[in-house]
Amino acid sequence: MSTPPPVELEQLNAAFSEKCSKSYNVCFNNSSIYEAGFQAKKEKNEDKTVFFEFKLGLMVALFDGHHSEELSEYASQTLPAFLCARIETTLAERSCSLGDAVTESFIKGIEDYDRSLLQDGVINEFPQKDQTDWSDLKWQNQDEVWLVLGWLREHPKFQRARYAVAGTTALIAFIDNAKENIWVASLGDSDAFLGRKKDTLIWDVTRLSDFHNGSNPKEVERLKAEHPGEPPIIRHGRVLSDLAVTRALGNHQLKTPLPFARYILGAIWPTPFIPEFFDEEVVKLGHTNPPYISATPTVCHHSLKPGDVLVLSSDGLAYELREFSEEDKLLAVVSLATATTMTSLPQRSTVWSEKLRHGFIASAEGDNPAEYLIKNVCFGTNLEQMAEVVKPLRRRDDISALILFL
């Protein structure tokens, strides 16, 4: 592949850097954490990454917001600390192992956190709270709802209520102080991979996350079993033809009874589910038995060894690798995240290069591996692809990566 003109390459690199946020941190017994996020066309990156140290270990998380960045940003600021406190409380109140405390706290804690977005942010603002008659015709008048919640994001009550109608995926990993164990809670379709060096060129890579979307047959079957006699919940690969993920924080319009979803949550504008959505996609098709999405995460446990590498990435990265097999995807992500030279890539990299239609670029000492992972997946040495990514004509999904060297 020919070397791009230096001036043009320099301009594109500068444009990429403007749209790429990145950080590097040393923490947790000299572990290194690299983060990078890229968004090309939207005003704000809806992906948020965070790491949070506390006395029992380290929490790292990635939130991928949909419909806005509001909930992903809020969850990144509040949920890790909430879960850490939950783990400590569970250990103090029960005679259980750390693993049991983490698993229970992840599942019940995330469910409770999601419920609080609705309960504290919306329901408790009404004078009668849970006893409110949501079918009262007065609530069909948005002015009545706005009198309670406000009607602009500048109003604190309205902004809190927004967290119930916006949505985000959640991928949260906890590593114990001894760095011997990792637990990963997944809600949505971001990826968590654990790499362990097999030889000088090959990694053993384990998926630590589930993917909760319309492409997962298990999720399709789960929704079918939960709604017997109803038309298919997943249509065109999406929940009720609209939402890509089957599990998420927020999006309570798909979790609550119809009158409440349509008139109360519908007033917290802009909402992704407009009144016509309920008429055409919910009532007419017979979908009147929510919830249609879940806030219950799946939790995976895995042992750790020195030298292991953890990679968290949003579905924007997975989309770029959509033509890869699952095995190639796992190996490519970890290999590209850890490669210091192109000779350190496995032989399979030639196949990856052909599928991606570009070669790979080596990072120099001091470069951020998470940034180079995004670059090598999206365009590598291909100048035309780089221009398409940096200055896209169409909307592109955000891409985020978090790499932890243990």
Protein backbone atom coordinates (compact mmCIF):
# COMPACT_ATOMS: atom_id res chain seq x y z
CA MET A 1 0.00 0.00 0.00
CA SER A 2 1.43 3.40 -0.93
CA THR A 3 2.50 5.88 1.71
CA PRO A 4 0.06 8.82 1.94
CA PRO A 5 1.28 12.33 1.16
CA PRO A 6 2.83 13.74 4.37
CA VAL A 7 0.89 17.02 4.32
CA GLU A 8 -2.49 15.38 3.83
CA LEU A 9 -1.71 12.73 6.43
CA GLU A 10 -0.69 15.42 8.90
CA GLN A 11 -3.97 17.27 8.34
CA LEU A 12 -6.05 14.14 8.80
CA ASN A 13 -4.15 13.17 11.95
CA ALA A 14 -4.81 16.63 13.33
CA ALA A 15 -8.51 16.34 12.48
CA PHE A 16 -8.67 12.90 14.12
CA SER A 17 -6.98 14.20 17.28
CA GLU A 18 -9.54 17.00 17.55
CA LYS A 19 -12.34 14.43 17.68
CA CYS A 20 -10.54 11.86 19.80
CA SER A 21 -10.41 12.12 23.59
CA LYS A 22 -7.84 9.99 25.40
CA SER A 23 -6.22 9.49 28.77
CA TYR A 24 -3.64 7.36 30.50
CA ASN A 25 -3.58 6.51 34.20
CA VAL A 26 -1.40 4.42 36.48
CA CYS A 27 -3.35 2.99 39.38
CA PHE A 28 -4.22 -0.11 41.33
CA ASN A 29 -0.81 -1.65 42.11
CA ASN A 30 0.87 -0.18 39.01
CA SER A 31 -1.80 -1.30 36.57
CA SER A 32 -2.02 0.88 33.46
CA ILE A 33 -5.35 2.08 32.09
CA TYR A 34 -5.60 3.62 28.63
CA GLU A 35 -8.84 5.19 27.40
CA ALA A 36 -9.84 6.67 24.06
CA GLY A 37 -13.11 7.81 22.55
CA PHE A 38 -13.85 9.00 19.03
CA GLN A 39 -16.92 10.66 17.56
CA ALA A 40 -16.95 12.17 14.13
CA LYS A 41 -20.30 13.74 13.37
CA LYS A 42 -22.47 14.09 16.47
CA GLU A 43 -22.21 17.10 18.77
CA LYS A 44 -21.32 14.99 21.81
CA ASN A 45 -19.84 11.54 22.37
CA GLU A 46 -22.54 9.44 24.00
CA ASP A 47 -19.97 6.89 25.22
CA LYS A 48 -18.50 7.38 28.69
CA THR A 49 -15.66 5.42 30.31
CA VAL A 50 -14.65 5.55 33.96
CA PHE A 51 -12.52 3.77 36.53
CA PHE A 52 -13.13 3.91 40.28
CA GLU A 53 -10.81 2.62 43.01
CA PHE A 54 -12.06 1.67 46.47
CA LYS A 55 -10.80 -0.43 49.36
CA LEU A 56 -11.88 -3.79 47.89
CA GLY A 57 -10.50 -3.31 44.39
CA LEU A 58 -11.06 -1.51 41.12
CA MET A 59 -14.21 -0.82 39.13
CA VAL A 60 -13.93 0.01 35.43
CA ALA A 61 -16.96 0.75 33.30
CA LEU A 62 -18.15 1.80 29.87
CA PHE A 63 -21.56 3.34 29.20
CA ASP A 64 -22.90 3.73 25.67
CA GLY A 65 -25.80 6.18 25.63
CA HIS A 66 -28.57 6.14 23.08
CA HIS A 67 -30.90 9.01 22.18
CA SER A 68 -28.60 11.35 24.16
CA GLU A 69 -25.50 11.38 26.34
CA GLU A 70 -27.45 12.39 29.46
CA LEU A 71 -27.87 9.02 31.13
CA SER A 72 -24.50 7.58 30.10
CA GLU A 73 -22.79 10.62 31.63
CA TYR A 74 -24.92 10.53 34.78
CA ALA A 75 -24.45 6.78 35.24
CA SER A 76 -20.68 7.08 34.78
CA GLN A 77 -20.63 9.63 37.61
CA THR A 78 -22.89 7.76 40.03
CA LEU A 79 -23.32 4.03 39.34
CA PRO A 80 -19.75 2.73 40.01
CA ALA A 81 -19.64 4.40 43.45
CA PHE A 82 -23.16 3.13 44.16
CA LEU A 83 -22.14 -0.44 43.34
CA CYS A 84 -18.92 -0.24 45.35
CA ALA A 85 -20.91 0.85 48.41
CA ARG A 86 -23.39 -1.96 47.74
CA ILE A 87 -20.61 -4.57 47.70
CA GLU A 88 -19.19 -3.28 50.99
CA THR A 89 -22.64 -3.27 52.61
CA THR A 90 -23.45 -6.78 51.40
CA LEU A 91 -20.18 -8.12 52.82
CA ALA A 92 -20.78 -6.37 56.15
CA GLU A 93 -24.36 -7.58 56.53
CA ARG A 94 -23.98 -11.14 55.27
CA SER A 95 -21.57 -13.98 55.78
CA CYS A 96 -20.72 -14.52 52.14
CA SER A 97 -17.72 -14.61 49.86
CA LEU A 98 -16.52 -11.58 47.93
CA GLY A 99 -17.66 -13.28 44.72
CA ASP A 100 -21.20 -13.76 46.03
CA ALA A 101 -21.28 -10.17 47.26
CA VAL A 102 -20.12 -8.81 43.90
CA THR A 103 -22.55 -10.93 41.87
CA GLU A 104 -25.53 -10.07 44.07
CA SER A 105 -24.60 -6.40 44.22
CA PHE A 106 -24.16 -6.21 40.47
CA ILE A 107 -27.54 -7.78 39.72
CA LYS A 108 -29.72 -6.31 42.48
CA GLY A 109 -27.79 -3.06 42.62
CA ILE A 110 -28.16 -2.31 38.92
CA GLU A 111 -31.85 -3.23 39.03
CA ASP A 112 -32.40 -0.94 42.04
CA TYR A 113 -30.41 1.87 40.45
CA ASP A 114 -32.53 1.65 37.31
CA ARG A 115 -35.76 1.69 39.32
CA SER A 116 -34.54 4.76 41.20
CA LEU A 117 -34.19 6.67 37.92
CA LEU A 118 -37.96 6.37 37.52
CA GLN A 119 -39.04 6.41 41.16
CA ASP A 120 -36.89 9.28 42.42
CA GLY A 121 -36.68 11.20 39.18
CA VAL A 122 -40.34 11.06 38.17
CA ILE A 123 -42.89 9.31 40.39
CA ASN A 124 -41.84 10.82 43.72
CA GLU A 125 -42.18 14.34 42.30
CA PHE A 126 -45.96 13.92 42.07
CA PRO A 127 -47.90 14.80 45.26
CA GLN A 128 -49.45 11.33 45.58
CA LYS A 129 -46.34 9.50 44.35
CA ASP A 130 -47.13 5.79 43.83
CA GLN A 131 -50.79 6.36 44.60
CA THR A 132 -51.22 8.70 41.63
CA ASP A 133 -53.95 7.68 39.19
CA TRP A 134 -51.95 7.73 35.97
CA SER A 135 -55.07 6.97 33.90
CA ASP A 136 -56.66 10.26 34.99
CA LEU A 137 -57.47 12.18 31.80
CA LYS A 138 -55.80 15.31 33.11
CA TRP A 139 -52.39 13.71 32.57
CA GLN A 140 -53.08 13.64 28.86
CA ASN A 141 -52.56 17.38 29.01
CA GLN A 142 -48.78 17.90 28.93
CA ASP A 143 -49.17 21.22 30.75
CA GLU A 144 -50.29 19.29 33.84
CA VAL A 145 -47.19 17.12 33.75
CA TRP A 146 -44.94 20.13 33.17
CA LEU A 147 -46.43 21.87 36.23
CA VAL A 148 -45.00 18.99 38.27
CA LEU A 149 -41.71 18.27 36.50
CA GLY A 150 -40.86 21.47 34.64
CA TRP A 151 -40.40 21.60 30.87
CA LEU A 152 -36.80 22.63 30.14
CA ARG A 153 -33.46 20.91 30.80
CA GLU A 154 -32.51 24.01 32.79
CA HIS A 155 -35.13 22.95 35.36
CA PRO A 156 -33.49 20.54 37.87
CA LYS A 157 -36.57 18.34 38.22
CA PHE A 158 -36.96 18.04 34.46
CA GLN A 159 -33.29 17.12 34.03
CA ARG A 160 -33.57 14.38 36.66
CA ALA A 161 -36.67 13.08 34.94
CA ARG A 162 -34.72 12.93 31.68
CA TYR A 163 -32.59 10.09 33.09
CA ALA A 164 -35.67 7.86 33.08
CA VAL A 165 -36.47 8.41 29.39
CA ALA A 166 -32.95 8.51 27.95
CA GLY A 167 -31.03 5.23 27.86
CA THR A 168 -27.61 3.69 28.09
CA THR A 169 -25.93 0.33 28.00
CA ALA A 170 -23.63 -0.58 30.90
CA LEU A 171 -20.50 -2.70 30.98
CA ILE A 172 -18.97 -2.82 34.45
CA ALA A 173 -15.96 -4.83 35.62
CA PHE A 174 -14.73 -5.31 39.19
CA ILE A 175 -11.19 -6.57 39.91
CA ASP A 176 -10.21 -7.59 43.44
CA ASN A 177 -7.17 -6.12 45.20
CA ALA A 178 -5.10 -9.26 44.66
CA LYS A 179 -5.80 -9.01 40.92
CA GLU A 180 -6.81 -12.67 40.98
CA ASN A 181 -10.46 -12.35 39.95
CA ILE A 182 -12.65 -10.28 37.67
CA TRP A 183 -16.43 -10.03 37.53
CA VAL A 184 -18.16 -8.33 34.59
CA ALA A 185 -21.76 -7.19 34.52
CA SER A 186 -23.14 -6.52 31.05
CA LEU A 187 -26.31 -4.73 30.06
CA GLY A 188 -26.57 -4.08 26.34
CA ASP A 189 -24.11 -4.79 23.53
CA SER A 190 -20.67 -3.46 24.47
CA ASP A 191 -17.77 -5.94 24.57
CA ALA A 192 -15.40 -7.07 27.33
CA PHE A 193 -12.48 -9.29 26.33
CA LEU A 194 -9.73 -10.77 28.50
CA GLY A 195 -6.44 -11.55 26.78
CA ARG A 196 -3.79 -13.92 28.11
CA LYS A 197 -0.50 -14.44 26.26
CA LYS A 198 -0.23 -17.95 24.81
CA ASP A 199 3.10 -17.45 23.04
CA THR A 200 5.02 -14.52 21.58
CA LEU A 201 2.40 -13.82 18.90
CA ILE A 202 -0.84 -15.47 20.03
CA TRP A 203 -3.28 -14.53 22.76
CA ASP A 204 -5.91 -16.68 24.37
CA VAL A 205 -8.93 -14.40 24.42
CA THR A 206 -12.09 -14.90 26.49
CA ARG A 207 -15.33 -12.97 26.08
CA LEU A 208 -16.50 -11.71 29.47
CA SER A 209 -19.70 -10.00 28.30
CA ASP A 210 -23.02 -11.06 26.83
CA PHE A 211 -24.61 -9.13 23.99
CA HIS A 212 -28.20 -8.18 24.63
CA ASN A 213 -29.75 -7.19 21.32
CA GLY A 214 -32.00 -8.47 18.57
CA SER A 215 -29.14 -10.45 17.00
CA ASN A 216 -28.87 -12.76 20.00
CA PRO A 217 -31.24 -15.75 19.60
CA LYS A 218 -31.31 -16.26 23.38
CA GLU A 219 -32.60 -12.75 23.91
CA VAL A 220 -35.22 -13.18 21.19
CA GLU A 221 -36.40 -16.41 22.84
CA ARG A 222 -36.41 -14.80 26.29
CA LEU A 223 -38.70 -12.01 25.12
CA LYS A 224 -40.92 -14.49 23.34
CA ALA A 225 -41.28 -16.58 26.50
CA GLU A 226 -42.02 -13.50 28.61
CA HIS A 227 -44.78 -12.38 26.23
CA PRO A 228 -46.70 -15.50 25.16
CA GLY A 229 -49.40 -14.90 22.57
CA GLU A 230 -48.03 -11.52 21.51
CA PRO A 231 -46.66 -10.72 18.06
CA PRO A 232 -42.84 -10.89 17.82
CA ILE A 233 -41.19 -8.34 20.10
CA ILE A 234 -38.10 -8.16 17.89
CA ARG A 235 -38.80 -6.81 14.41
CA HIS A 236 -36.16 -5.65 11.96
CA GLY A 237 -33.60 -6.64 14.60
CA ARG A 238 -34.96 -4.16 17.16
CA VAL A 239 -37.30 -4.14 20.14
CA LEU A 240 -40.69 -3.07 18.78
CA SER A 241 -38.83 -2.01 15.61
CA ASP A 242 -37.11 0.80 17.50
CA LEU A 243 -34.51 0.00 20.16
CA ALA A 244 -31.43 -2.04 19.23
CA VAL A 245 -30.69 -3.39 22.72
CA THR A 246 -32.90 -5.68 24.77
CA ARG A 247 -31.40 -4.66 28.13
CA ALA A 248 -30.50 -1.14 29.20
CA LEU A 249 -30.63 1.44 31.93
CA GLY A 250 -33.41 4.00 31.49
CA ASN A 251 -35.79 3.86 28.51
CA HIS A 252 -38.65 3.40 30.98
CA GLN A 253 -41.18 4.02 28.23
CA LEU A 254 -40.61 0.35 27.33
CA LYS A 255 -40.79 -0.80 30.96
CA THR A 256 -43.90 0.92 32.31
CA PRO A 257 -47.70 0.66 31.70
CA LEU A 258 -49.00 2.30 28.55
CA PRO A 259 -50.83 5.39 29.97
CA PHE A 260 -47.83 6.29 32.13
CA ALA A 261 -45.34 5.69 29.32
CA ARG A 262 -47.29 7.67 26.77
CA TYR A 263 -48.51 10.66 28.76
CA ILE A 264 -46.14 11.12 31.69
CA LEU A 265 -42.85 10.00 30.19
CA GLY A 266 -43.91 11.28 26.78
CA ALA A 267 -44.01 14.80 28.22
CA ILE A 268 -40.33 14.63 29.17
CA TRP A 269 -39.26 15.72 25.72
CA PRO A 270 -37.46 15.10 23.49
CA THR A 271 -38.45 11.48 23.89
CA PRO A 272 -37.39 8.71 21.50
CA PHE A 273 -40.87 7.17 21.71
CA ILE A 274 -43.42 9.71 20.44
CA PRO A 275 -47.21 9.23 20.92
CA GLU A 276 -47.54 7.81 17.39
CA PHE A 277 -45.09 5.07 18.39
CA PHE A 278 -47.48 3.84 21.07
CA ASP A 279 -50.45 3.99 18.71
CA GLU A 280 -48.76 2.25 15.78
CA GLU A 281 -46.14 -0.04 17.34
CA VAL A 282 -47.69 -0.83 20.71
CA VAL A 283 -51.48 -0.71 20.80
CA LYS A 284 -52.36 -1.69 17.23
CA LEU A 285 -49.95 -4.62 17.26
CA GLY A 286 -51.07 -5.84 20.67
CA HIS A 287 -48.00 -4.99 22.73
CA THR A 288 -49.67 -3.94 25.98
CA ASN A 289 -47.80 -6.07 28.51
CA PRO A 290 -44.53 -4.31 29.43
CA PRO A 291 -41.69 -4.49 30.27
CA TYR A 292 -40.19 -5.07 26.83
CA ILE A 293 -36.61 -4.38 27.85
CA SER A 294 -34.80 -5.44 31.02
CA ALA A 295 -32.39 -3.83 33.47
CA THR A 296 -31.14 -7.18 34.79
CA PRO A 297 -27.47 -7.66 33.85
CA THR A 298 -25.70 -10.93 33.21
CA VAL A 299 -22.57 -11.45 35.31
CA CYS A 300 -19.44 -13.37 34.31
CA HIS A 301 -16.54 -14.35 36.62
CA HIS A 302 -13.02 -15.23 35.46
CA SER A 303 -9.68 -15.80 37.19
CA LEU A 304 -6.77 -13.47 36.46
CA LYS A 305 -3.02 -13.90 36.05
CA PRO A 306 -0.18 -11.36 35.88
CA GLY A 307 0.17 -10.03 32.35
CA ASP A 308 -3.52 -10.36 31.48
CA VAL A 309 -5.10 -7.56 29.44
CA LEU A 310 -8.70 -6.38 29.71
CA VAL A 311 -10.33 -4.55 26.79
CA LEU A 312 -13.73 -2.87 27.01
CA SER A 313 -15.17 -1.41 23.81
CA SER A 314 -18.46 0.03 22.66
CA ASP A 315 -20.55 -1.40 19.82
CA GLY A 316 -19.17 1.25 17.46
CA LEU A 317 -15.94 -0.74 17.36
CA ALA A 318 -17.83 -4.01 16.92
CA TYR A 319 -19.67 -2.54 13.93
CA GLU A 320 -16.38 -1.89 12.16
CA LEU A 321 -15.52 -5.58 12.72
CA ARG A 322 -18.92 -6.86 11.62
CA GLU A 323 -17.46 -9.07 8.87
CA PHE A 324 -15.18 -10.86 11.34
CA SER A 325 -15.97 -14.21 12.91
CA GLU A 326 -16.33 -14.14 16.69
CA GLU A 327 -12.92 -15.81 17.08
CA ASP A 328 -11.19 -13.35 14.77
CA LYS A 329 -12.93 -10.40 16.40
CA LEU A 330 -11.70 -11.34 19.88
CA LEU A 331 -8.16 -12.04 18.74
CA ALA A 332 -7.95 -8.95 16.55
CA VAL A 333 -9.12 -6.55 19.26
CA VAL A 334 -6.68 -7.83 21.88
CA SER A 335 -3.79 -8.19 19.39
CA LEU A 336 -4.23 -4.67 18.01
CA ALA A 337 -4.66 -3.27 21.52
CA THR A 338 -1.33 -4.71 22.64
CA ALA A 339 0.82 -4.58 19.48
CA THR A 340 3.92 -2.43 19.74
CA THR A 341 5.19 -3.40 16.28
CA MET A 342 3.51 -4.89 13.25
CA THR A 343 5.75 -7.97 13.56
CA SER A 344 4.09 -8.68 16.91
CA LEU A 345 0.76 -9.37 15.16
CA PRO A 346 -0.24 -13.00 14.49
CA GLN A 347 -0.42 -14.45 10.98
CA ARG A 348 -4.20 -13.96 11.01
CA SER A 349 -3.56 -10.24 10.70
CA THR A 350 -3.21 -10.63 6.93
CA VAL A 351 -6.79 -11.92 6.81
CA TRP A 352 -7.97 -9.07 9.02
CA SER A 353 -6.21 -6.58 6.78
CA GLU A 354 -7.99 -7.96 3.70
CA LYS A 355 -11.40 -7.75 5.36
CA LEU A 356 -10.83 -4.23 6.65
CA ARG A 357 -9.23 -3.14 3.33
CA HIS A 358 -6.22 -1.55 4.99
CA GLY A 359 -2.89 -2.27 6.58
CA PHE A 360 -2.04 -1.56 10.20
CA ILE A 361 0.03 1.22 11.72
CA ALA A 362 2.49 0.73 14.56
CA SER A 363 2.36 2.88 17.67
CA ALA A 364 5.46 4.56 19.03
CA GLU A 365 6.60 4.58 22.64
CA GLY A 366 4.34 6.82 24.66
CA ASP A 367 1.36 6.47 22.30
CA ASN A 368 -2.05 5.52 23.67
CA PRO A 369 -2.90 1.89 22.73
CA ALA A 370 -6.64 2.58 22.95
CA GLU A 371 -6.30 5.33 20.36
CA TYR A 372 -4.27 3.07 18.07
CA LEU A 373 -6.81 0.27 18.47
CA ILE A 374 -9.50 2.62 17.12
CA LYS A 375 -7.24 3.85 14.31
CA ASN A 376 -6.23 0.35 13.22
CA VAL A 377 -9.79 -0.95 13.21
CA CYS A 378 -11.23 2.06 11.38
CA PHE A 379 -8.62 2.95 8.75
CA GLY A 380 -5.02 1.91 9.50
CA THR A 381 -2.82 2.90 6.57
CA ASN A 382 -5.68 3.65 4.15
CA LEU A 383 -5.82 7.40 3.61
CA GLU A 384 -9.21 7.35 1.86
CA GLN A 385 -10.76 5.40 4.72
CA MET A 386 -9.20 7.79 7.18
CA ALA A 387 -10.76 10.74 5.40
CA GLU A 388 -14.16 9.00 5.43
CA VAL A 389 -13.88 8.38 9.17
CA VAL A 390 -12.56 11.80 10.15
CA LYS A 391 -14.86 13.78 7.82
CA PRO A 392 -17.86 11.53 7.33
CA LEU A 393 -20.76 12.40 5.05
CA ARG A 394 -23.12 10.26 7.12
CA ARG A 395 -23.67 9.75 10.82
CA ARG A 396 -21.21 7.34 12.44
CA ASP A 397 -21.54 5.67 15.81
CA ASP A 398 -19.27 6.69 18.64
CA ILE A 399 -16.32 4.39 19.31
CA SER A 400 -14.73 3.97 22.73
CA ALA A 401 -12.09 1.64 24.10
CA LEU A 402 -10.62 1.09 27.55
CA ILE A 403 -7.51 -1.07 27.90
CA LEU A 404 -6.27 -2.28 31.29
CA PHE A 405 -2.83 -3.90 31.55
CA LEU A 406 -2.75 -5.95 34.75
